[in-house]
Amino acid sequence: MEQPAPEVTQERPSFEVNLQRLEEVVQLLETGELSLERALALLQEGMGLVRVLGGQLDEAESRIDQAIKGAGGTVLVPLAKEGP
């Protein structure tokens, strides 16, 4: 009798882990000693990490806003960003 496949639960990396990896990627790119292919791969990884980190920050901000609203507080509206 076949046993069911074990359930795979993948935890997404924490903000801190993603930020640390992004810092590593930037350091590697700044050395200037990479092949073009390696540099492009790292650039793509870094851009993906930037998107993930932005999403994690947005999620954290939303959770903070909800906590403040739930406590009867006032949520401040951020000022518009300057520039393009």
N, C-alpha and C. Protein backbone atom coordinates (compact mmCIF):
# COMPACT_ATOMS: atom_id res chain seq x y z
N MET A 1 0.84 -1.19 0.00
CA MET A 1 0.00 0.00 0.00
C MET A 1 0.89 1.24 0.00
N GLU A 2 0.58 2.18 -0.88
CA GLU A 2 1.38 3.39 -0.98
C GLU A 2 1.08 4.33 0.17
N GLN A 3 2.15 4.94 0.66
CA GLN A 3 1.96 5.95 1.69
C GLN A 3 1.79 7.29 1.01
N PRO A 4 0.96 8.15 1.57
CA PRO A 4 0.79 9.46 0.95
C PRO A 4 2.09 10.25 1.02
N ALA A 5 2.28 11.07 0.01
CA ALA A 5 3.48 11.90 -0.01
C ALA A 5 3.44 12.85 1.18
N PRO A 6 4.59 13.08 1.77
CA PRO A 6 4.60 14.00 2.91
C PRO A 6 4.20 15.40 2.46
N GLU A 7 3.47 16.05 3.33
CA GLU A 7 3.01 17.41 3.01
C GLU A 7 4.21 18.35 3.08
N VAL A 8 4.38 19.10 2.03
CA VAL A 8 5.49 20.04 1.98
C VAL A 8 4.95 21.42 2.33
N THR A 9 5.48 21.97 3.39
CA THR A 9 5.11 23.33 3.75
C THR A 9 6.36 24.18 3.65
N GLN A 10 6.29 25.14 2.77
CA GLN A 10 7.43 26.02 2.59
C GLN A 10 7.12 27.34 3.26
N GLU A 11 7.91 27.66 4.25
CA GLU A 11 7.77 28.97 4.85
C GLU A 11 8.53 29.95 3.98
N ARG A 12 7.93 31.07 3.75
CA ARG A 12 8.65 32.06 2.97
C ARG A 12 9.70 32.69 3.87
N PRO A 13 10.82 33.07 3.30
CA PRO A 13 11.89 33.66 4.10
C PRO A 13 11.41 34.95 4.77
N SER A 14 11.95 35.20 5.95
CA SER A 14 11.58 36.41 6.68
C SER A 14 12.13 37.65 5.99
N PHE A 15 11.63 38.79 6.40
CA PHE A 15 12.11 40.06 5.86
C PHE A 15 13.62 40.17 6.07
N GLU A 16 14.06 39.81 7.26
CA GLU A 16 15.47 39.94 7.59
C GLU A 16 16.35 39.03 6.72
N VAL A 17 15.88 37.82 6.46
CA VAL A 17 16.63 36.90 5.61
C VAL A 17 16.70 37.44 4.18
N ASN A 18 15.58 37.94 3.68
CA ASN A 18 15.56 38.51 2.33
C ASN A 18 16.46 39.74 2.23
N LEU A 19 16.42 40.59 3.25
CA LEU A 19 17.25 41.79 3.24
C LEU A 19 18.73 41.43 3.28
N GLN A 20 19.07 40.45 4.10
CA GLN A 20 20.46 40.02 4.18
C GLN A 20 20.93 39.48 2.82
N ARG A 21 20.10 38.70 2.16
CA ARG A 21 20.47 38.17 0.85
C ARG A 21 20.62 39.30 -0.17
N LEU A 22 19.73 40.28 -0.12
CA LEU A 22 19.85 41.41 -1.04
C LEU A 22 21.16 42.15 -0.81
N GLU A 23 21.54 42.32 0.44
CA GLU A 23 22.81 42.98 0.74
C GLU A 23 23.99 42.17 0.19
N GLU A 24 23.91 40.85 0.29
CA GLU A 24 24.96 39.99 -0.26
C GLU A 24 25.04 40.14 -1.78
N VAL A 25 23.88 40.17 -2.42
CA VAL A 25 23.83 40.31 -3.88
C VAL A 25 24.46 41.64 -4.29
N VAL A 26 24.12 42.71 -3.59
CA VAL A 26 24.67 44.02 -3.91
C VAL A 26 26.19 44.02 -3.75
N GLN A 27 26.67 43.43 -2.66
CA GLN A 27 28.12 43.36 -2.44
C GLN A 27 28.81 42.61 -3.57
N LEU A 28 28.22 41.50 -3.98
CA LEU A 28 28.81 40.73 -5.08
C LEU A 28 28.84 41.54 -6.37
N LEU A 29 27.76 42.24 -6.65
CA LEU A 29 27.70 43.04 -7.87
C LEU A 29 28.70 44.20 -7.83
N GLU A 30 28.91 44.75 -6.65
CA GLU A 30 29.82 45.89 -6.52
C GLU A 30 31.29 45.51 -6.71
N THR A 31 31.61 44.22 -6.60
CA THR A 31 33.01 43.82 -6.78
C THR A 31 33.47 44.04 -8.20
N GLY A 32 32.54 43.92 -9.15
CA GLY A 32 32.89 44.09 -10.55
C GLY A 32 33.72 42.95 -11.11
N GLU A 33 33.83 41.87 -10.37
CA GLU A 33 34.67 40.74 -10.79
C GLU A 33 33.85 39.54 -11.24
N LEU A 34 32.63 39.77 -11.68
CA LEU A 34 31.74 38.68 -12.08
C LEU A 34 31.65 38.61 -13.59
N SER A 35 31.36 37.42 -14.06
CA SER A 35 31.08 37.29 -15.50
C SER A 35 29.76 38.00 -15.78
N LEU A 36 29.55 38.33 -17.02
CA LEU A 36 28.32 39.01 -17.41
C LEU A 36 27.10 38.16 -17.04
N GLU A 37 27.17 36.88 -17.32
CA GLU A 37 26.04 35.99 -17.02
C GLU A 37 25.74 35.95 -15.53
N ARG A 38 26.79 35.85 -14.71
CA ARG A 38 26.60 35.80 -13.25
C ARG A 38 26.04 37.14 -12.76
N ALA A 39 26.55 38.23 -13.30
CA ALA A 39 26.07 39.55 -12.89
C ALA A 39 24.59 39.72 -13.25
N LEU A 40 24.20 39.27 -14.43
CA LEU A 40 22.80 39.36 -14.84
C LEU A 40 21.90 38.51 -13.95
N ALA A 41 22.36 37.31 -13.62
CA ALA A 41 21.58 36.43 -12.75
C ALA A 41 21.40 37.06 -11.37
N LEU A 42 22.48 37.65 -10.85
CA LEU A 42 22.39 38.30 -9.54
C LEU A 42 21.50 39.54 -9.60
N LEU A 43 21.58 40.27 -10.70
CA LEU A 43 20.72 41.45 -10.85
C LEU A 43 19.25 41.03 -10.83
N GLN A 44 18.92 39.97 -11.55
CA GLN A 44 17.54 39.48 -11.57
C GLN A 44 17.11 39.03 -10.18
N GLU A 45 17.99 38.32 -9.49
CA GLU A 45 17.67 37.87 -8.13
C GLU A 45 17.44 39.08 -7.23
N GLY A 46 18.30 40.06 -7.35
CA GLY A 46 18.17 41.27 -6.53
C GLY A 46 16.88 42.01 -6.79
N MET A 47 16.50 42.13 -8.06
CA MET A 47 15.26 42.82 -8.40
C MET A 47 14.05 42.05 -7.85
N GLY A 48 14.12 40.72 -7.90
CA GLY A 48 13.06 39.92 -7.31
C GLY A 48 12.97 40.12 -5.81
N LEU A 49 14.12 40.19 -5.16
CA LEU A 49 14.14 40.42 -3.72
C LEU A 49 13.57 41.79 -3.37
N VAL A 50 13.86 42.79 -4.19
CA VAL A 50 13.31 44.13 -3.96
C VAL A 50 11.79 44.09 -4.01
N ARG A 51 11.23 43.36 -4.98
CA ARG A 51 9.77 43.24 -5.08
C ARG A 51 9.21 42.53 -3.85
N VAL A 52 9.85 41.44 -3.45
CA VAL A 52 9.38 40.68 -2.29
C VAL A 52 9.46 41.53 -1.03
N LEU A 53 10.57 42.22 -0.84
CA LEU A 53 10.74 43.07 0.34
C LEU A 53 9.70 44.18 0.36
N GLY A 54 9.42 44.77 -0.80
CA GLY A 54 8.39 45.81 -0.87
C GLY A 54 7.03 45.26 -0.46
N GLY A 55 6.72 44.06 -0.92
CA GLY A 55 5.46 43.42 -0.54
C GLY A 55 5.40 43.13 0.95
N GLN A 56 6.52 42.68 1.51
CA GLN A 56 6.56 42.40 2.94
C GLN A 56 6.38 43.69 3.75
N LEU A 57 6.98 44.79 3.29
CA LEU A 57 6.80 46.07 3.98
C LEU A 57 5.35 46.55 3.87
N ASP A 58 4.75 46.40 2.70
CA ASP A 58 3.35 46.79 2.52
C ASP A 58 2.45 45.98 3.45
N GLU A 59 2.72 44.68 3.55
CA GLU A 59 1.93 43.81 4.42
C GLU A 59 2.08 44.23 5.88
N ALA A 60 3.30 44.53 6.29
CA ALA A 60 3.55 44.96 7.67
C ALA A 60 2.83 46.28 7.95
N GLU A 61 2.89 47.20 7.01
CA GLU A 61 2.21 48.49 7.18
C GLU A 61 0.70 48.29 7.32
N SER A 62 0.14 47.40 6.52
CA SER A 62 -1.28 47.12 6.59
C SER A 62 -1.66 46.52 7.94
N ARG A 63 -0.83 45.61 8.43
CA ARG A 63 -1.10 44.99 9.74
C ARG A 63 -1.01 46.02 10.85
N ILE A 64 -0.06 46.94 10.74
CA ILE A 64 0.06 48.00 11.75
C ILE A 64 -1.17 48.90 11.71
N ASP A 65 -1.60 49.28 10.51
CA ASP A 65 -2.80 50.11 10.37
C ASP A 65 -4.01 49.42 10.98
N GLN A 66 -4.17 48.13 10.72
CA GLN A 66 -5.30 47.38 11.27
C GLN A 66 -5.23 47.32 12.79
N ALA A 67 -4.04 47.15 13.33
CA ALA A 67 -3.88 47.09 14.78
C ALA A 67 -4.24 48.43 15.41
N ILE A 68 -3.83 49.52 14.77
CA ILE A 68 -4.15 50.84 15.29
C ILE A 68 -5.65 51.09 15.22
N LYS A 69 -6.26 50.75 14.09
CA LYS A 69 -7.71 50.93 13.94
C LYS A 69 -8.46 50.08 14.97
N GLY A 70 -7.99 48.86 15.17
CA GLY A 70 -8.62 47.96 16.12
C GLY A 70 -8.53 48.46 17.55
N ALA A 71 -7.51 49.26 17.83
CA ALA A 71 -7.33 49.80 19.16
C ALA A 71 -8.04 51.15 19.30
N GLY A 72 -8.77 51.56 18.26
CA GLY A 72 -9.50 52.81 18.32
C GLY A 72 -8.66 54.03 18.01
N GLY A 73 -7.50 53.80 17.44
CA GLY A 73 -6.61 54.91 17.11
C GLY A 73 -6.88 55.47 15.73
N THR A 74 -6.10 56.44 15.38
CA THR A 74 -6.21 57.09 14.07
C THR A 74 -5.02 56.69 13.22
N VAL A 75 -5.29 56.32 12.00
CA VAL A 75 -4.22 55.97 11.07
C VAL A 75 -3.87 57.21 10.27
N LEU A 76 -2.61 57.57 10.26
CA LEU A 76 -2.16 58.73 9.52
C LEU A 76 -2.02 58.39 8.05
N VAL A 77 -2.37 59.32 7.20
CA VAL A 77 -2.24 59.14 5.75
C VAL A 77 -0.86 59.65 5.35
N PRO A 78 -0.07 58.83 4.64
CA PRO A 78 1.27 59.29 4.25
C PRO A 78 1.19 60.45 3.27
N LEU A 79 2.19 61.33 3.35
CA LEU A 79 2.28 62.44 2.42
C LEU A 79 2.63 61.92 1.04
N ALA A 80 2.23 62.66 0.03
CA ALA A 80 2.58 62.28 -1.34
C ALA A 80 4.08 62.40 -1.53
N LYS A 81 4.64 61.49 -2.29
CA LYS A 81 6.07 61.51 -2.57
C LYS A 81 6.38 62.63 -3.53
N GLU A 82 7.53 63.24 -3.34
CA GLU A 82 7.96 64.30 -4.25
C GLU A 82 8.69 63.70 -5.43
N GLY A 83 8.68 64.42 -6.52
CA GLY A 83 9.43 63.99 -7.69
C GLY A 83 8.65 63.05 -8.57
N PRO A 84 9.32 62.55 -9.63
CA PRO A 84 8.63 61.70 -10.61
C PRO A 84 8.26 60.35 -10.08
